[in-house]
Amino acid sequence: EIELSSELALCDKFLALDERNFHCWNYRSFIAKEKALDRTDEIKFTTSLIERNFSNYSAWHKRTQVVNTDDLQDIRSELDLVWNAIFTEPADQTCWIYHQWLVLRIVKKESIFFSDPFPPLSKEAKAIISEQIQMCKDLLELEEVSKWATFALLYLAKIVKFGEIETDLLEDPDLEIGSLC
């Protein structure tokens, strides 16, 4: 137990120095599994790294392995975190990639390039999708030219279309999103 704790601490130090070192990430995952770390511990660890650097793709990726995507409340919490990062640095693709991954977990899809109908979405899932559209629109009011926010609106519009979600949030003529779906 002591050895595993010291190895984990050593990994944490290395990742503080080089946050993208995939060898260290893999070793840390191995140690965390051997030590039977709780999911909450991993979320706290990755949160601390993300708060230090929103562009830490490795930390965001690690969250894809530990977040409970079966619980929409957990997804909501993750969306709050990612929106903090997005509004801080709207041009950072790392945050947007994680946002897309979260949205796809809501609709239980593996890709944004879909044409098959969705499984039925719950009322809460539809509400979350509508909230994401509004967040993108709010960001576009602040940052008129944001390719990532526009791209997010495009995949959210596809979800609205194929998920049969009723909303007037995309009817803004300035968005010009409807014609792209």
Protein backbone atom coordinates (compact mmCIF):
# COMPACT_ATOMS: atom_id res chain seq x y z
CA GLU A 1 0.00 0.00 0.00
CA ILE A 2 2.78 2.43 0.88
CA GLU A 3 4.62 1.64 -2.35
CA LEU A 4 1.47 2.24 -4.42
CA SER A 5 0.85 5.54 -2.65
CA SER A 6 4.40 6.72 -3.31
CA GLU A 7 4.18 5.60 -6.95
CA LEU A 8 0.92 7.50 -7.34
CA ALA A 9 2.48 10.60 -5.78
CA LEU A 10 5.46 10.27 -8.11
CA CYS A 11 3.15 10.06 -11.13
CA ASP A 12 1.29 13.14 -9.93
CA LYS A 13 4.61 15.03 -9.69
CA PHE A 14 5.64 13.94 -13.19
CA LEU A 15 2.27 14.95 -14.62
CA ALA A 16 2.61 18.35 -12.97
CA LEU A 17 5.86 18.75 -14.93
CA ASP A 18 4.69 17.17 -18.19
CA GLU A 19 0.92 16.89 -18.35
CA ARG A 20 0.94 15.13 -21.73
CA ASN A 21 3.30 12.29 -20.86
CA PHE A 22 1.19 9.35 -21.96
CA HIS A 23 3.59 6.82 -20.44
CA CYS A 24 3.03 8.42 -17.06
CA TRP A 25 -0.75 8.59 -17.61
CA ASN A 26 -0.82 4.88 -18.45
CA TYR A 27 1.31 4.00 -15.45
CA ARG A 28 -0.83 6.18 -13.20
CA SER A 29 -3.96 4.40 -14.47
CA PHE A 30 -2.33 1.06 -13.68
CA ILE A 31 -1.44 2.21 -10.15
CA ALA A 32 -4.91 3.68 -9.61
CA LYS A 33 -6.46 0.36 -10.60
CA GLU A 34 -4.10 -1.63 -8.35
CA LYS A 35 -4.78 0.76 -5.48
CA ALA A 36 -8.53 0.58 -6.23
CA LEU A 37 -8.85 4.36 -6.29
CA ASP A 38 -12.36 5.63 -6.13
CA ARG A 39 -13.79 7.31 -9.23
CA THR A 40 -14.22 10.46 -7.14
CA ASP A 41 -10.48 10.58 -6.46
CA GLU A 42 -9.73 10.45 -10.17
CA ILE A 43 -12.26 13.18 -10.88
CA LYS A 44 -10.69 15.38 -8.18
CA PHE A 45 -7.22 14.74 -9.63
CA THR A 46 -8.21 15.58 -13.19
CA THR A 47 -10.16 18.62 -12.01
CA SER A 48 -7.05 19.99 -10.33
CA LEU A 49 -5.08 19.55 -13.56
CA ILE A 50 -7.82 21.12 -15.68
CA GLU A 51 -8.12 24.08 -13.33
CA ARG A 52 -4.39 24.64 -13.81
CA ASN A 53 -4.63 24.34 -17.60
CA PHE A 54 -7.90 24.11 -19.55
CA SER A 55 -5.94 22.83 -22.55
CA ASN A 56 -4.84 19.65 -20.76
CA TYR A 57 -6.31 17.19 -23.25
CA SER A 58 -4.94 14.23 -21.30
CA ALA A 59 -6.87 15.23 -18.19
CA TRP A 60 -10.08 15.74 -20.17
CA HIS A 61 -9.53 12.37 -21.83
CA LYS A 62 -9.02 10.67 -18.46
CA ARG A 63 -12.41 12.03 -17.42
CA THR A 64 -13.99 10.08 -20.31
CA GLN A 65 -12.84 6.96 -18.50
CA VAL A 66 -14.15 7.86 -15.04
CA VAL A 67 -17.30 9.97 -15.46
CA ASN A 68 -20.56 8.13 -14.94
CA THR A 69 -22.26 8.76 -18.28
CA ASP A 70 -25.37 6.82 -17.26
CA ASP A 71 -26.28 9.62 -14.85
CA LEU A 72 -27.50 12.81 -16.49
CA GLN A 73 -26.73 14.76 -13.31
CA ASP A 74 -23.06 13.75 -13.62
CA ILE A 75 -23.13 14.83 -17.25
CA ARG A 76 -24.68 18.16 -16.22
CA SER A 77 -21.85 18.70 -13.72
CA GLU A 78 -19.30 17.94 -16.42
CA LEU A 79 -21.02 20.34 -18.80
CA ASP A 80 -20.78 23.07 -16.14
CA LEU A 81 -17.05 22.44 -15.85
CA VAL A 82 -16.48 22.40 -19.59
CA TRP A 83 -18.51 25.59 -20.11
CA ASN A 84 -16.33 27.36 -17.54
CA ALA A 85 -13.37 26.36 -19.65
CA ILE A 86 -15.08 27.30 -22.92
CA PHE A 87 -16.09 30.76 -21.75
CA THR A 88 -12.55 31.31 -20.48
CA GLU A 89 -10.93 30.25 -23.76
CA PRO A 90 -13.53 29.81 -26.55
CA ALA A 91 -10.95 28.98 -29.21
CA ASP A 92 -9.49 26.02 -27.28
CA GLN A 93 -10.48 22.88 -29.17
CA THR A 94 -9.74 20.62 -26.20
CA CYS A 95 -12.80 21.81 -24.29
CA TRP A 96 -15.01 21.57 -27.35
CA ILE A 97 -13.95 18.00 -28.06
CA TYR A 98 -14.90 17.03 -24.52
CA HIS A 99 -18.18 18.94 -24.87
CA GLN A 100 -19.00 16.98 -28.01
CA TRP A 101 -18.17 13.72 -26.24
CA LEU A 102 -20.53 14.63 -23.38
CA VAL A 103 -23.36 15.57 -25.73
CA LEU A 104 -22.96 12.32 -27.60
CA ARG A 105 -23.19 10.42 -24.29
CA ILE A 106 -26.55 12.10 -23.68
CA VAL A 107 -27.93 10.85 -26.98
CA LYS A 108 -26.06 7.52 -26.80
CA LYS A 109 -24.26 8.01 -30.10
CA GLU A 110 -20.65 7.39 -31.01
CA SER A 111 -20.34 9.94 -33.79
CA ILE A 112 -21.81 13.26 -34.83
CA PHE A 113 -22.06 11.92 -38.37
CA PHE A 114 -25.35 10.16 -37.87
CA SER A 115 -28.53 9.77 -39.84
CA ASP A 116 -30.25 6.95 -38.00
CA PRO A 117 -33.05 7.94 -35.67
CA PHE A 118 -32.08 8.22 -32.04
CA PRO A 119 -33.36 6.08 -29.30
CA PRO A 120 -36.09 8.05 -27.54
CA LEU A 121 -34.61 10.89 -25.49
CA SER A 122 -35.86 11.60 -22.00
CA LYS A 123 -37.39 14.94 -21.12
CA GLU A 124 -34.24 15.76 -19.11
CA ALA A 125 -31.93 14.84 -22.03
CA LYS A 126 -33.93 17.09 -24.35
CA ALA A 127 -33.70 19.91 -21.79
CA ILE A 128 -29.92 19.51 -21.58
CA ILE A 129 -29.62 19.68 -25.38
CA SER A 130 -31.70 22.87 -25.40
CA GLU A 131 -29.48 24.33 -22.67
CA GLN A 132 -26.39 23.55 -24.76
CA ILE A 133 -27.88 25.37 -27.73
CA GLN A 134 -28.59 28.41 -25.55
CA MET A 135 -25.04 28.35 -24.15
CA CYS A 136 -23.60 28.33 -27.68
CA LYS A 137 -25.84 31.22 -28.65
CA ASP A 138 -24.78 33.15 -25.54
CA LEU A 139 -21.14 32.58 -26.42
CA LEU A 140 -21.70 33.69 -30.02
CA GLU A 141 -23.14 36.95 -28.72
CA LEU A 142 -19.82 37.56 -26.95
CA GLU A 143 -17.56 36.03 -29.60
CA GLU A 144 -19.21 36.65 -32.95
CA VAL A 145 -16.66 34.54 -34.79
CA SER A 146 -16.24 31.26 -32.99
CA LYS A 147 -15.77 28.28 -35.25
CA TRP A 148 -16.11 25.83 -32.34
CA ALA A 149 -19.37 27.34 -31.08
CA THR A 150 -20.73 27.30 -34.63
CA PHE A 151 -19.64 23.70 -35.09
CA ALA A 152 -21.28 22.79 -31.76
CA LEU A 153 -24.51 24.45 -32.88
CA LEU A 154 -24.36 22.37 -36.05
CA TYR A 155 -24.13 19.05 -34.23
CA LEU A 156 -26.72 20.19 -31.69
CA ALA A 157 -29.02 21.12 -34.59
CA LYS A 158 -28.59 17.61 -35.99
CA ILE A 159 -29.56 16.21 -32.61
CA VAL A 160 -32.64 18.43 -32.56
CA LYS A 161 -33.57 17.26 -36.04
CA PHE A 162 -32.95 13.53 -35.60
CA GLY A 163 -33.92 13.44 -31.93
CA GLU A 164 -37.25 15.08 -32.66
CA ILE A 165 -36.71 17.80 -30.10
CA GLU A 166 -39.11 20.71 -30.31
CA THR A 167 -37.31 24.01 -29.89
CA ASP A 168 -37.31 27.42 -31.47
CA LEU A 169 -33.75 28.14 -30.33
CA LEU A 170 -32.36 27.44 -33.78
CA GLU A 171 -34.83 29.64 -35.66
CA ASP A 172 -32.63 32.72 -35.40
CA PRO A 173 -32.00 33.86 -39.00
CA ASP A 174 -28.55 35.13 -38.01
CA LEU A 175 -27.45 31.56 -37.15
CA GLU A 176 -28.05 30.10 -40.62
CA ILE A 177 -27.75 26.65 -39.06
CA GLY A 178 -31.00 25.11 -40.27
CA SER A 179 -29.89 25.01 -43.90
CA LEU A 180 -26.72 23.09 -42.99
CA CYS A 181 -28.56 20.14 -41.40
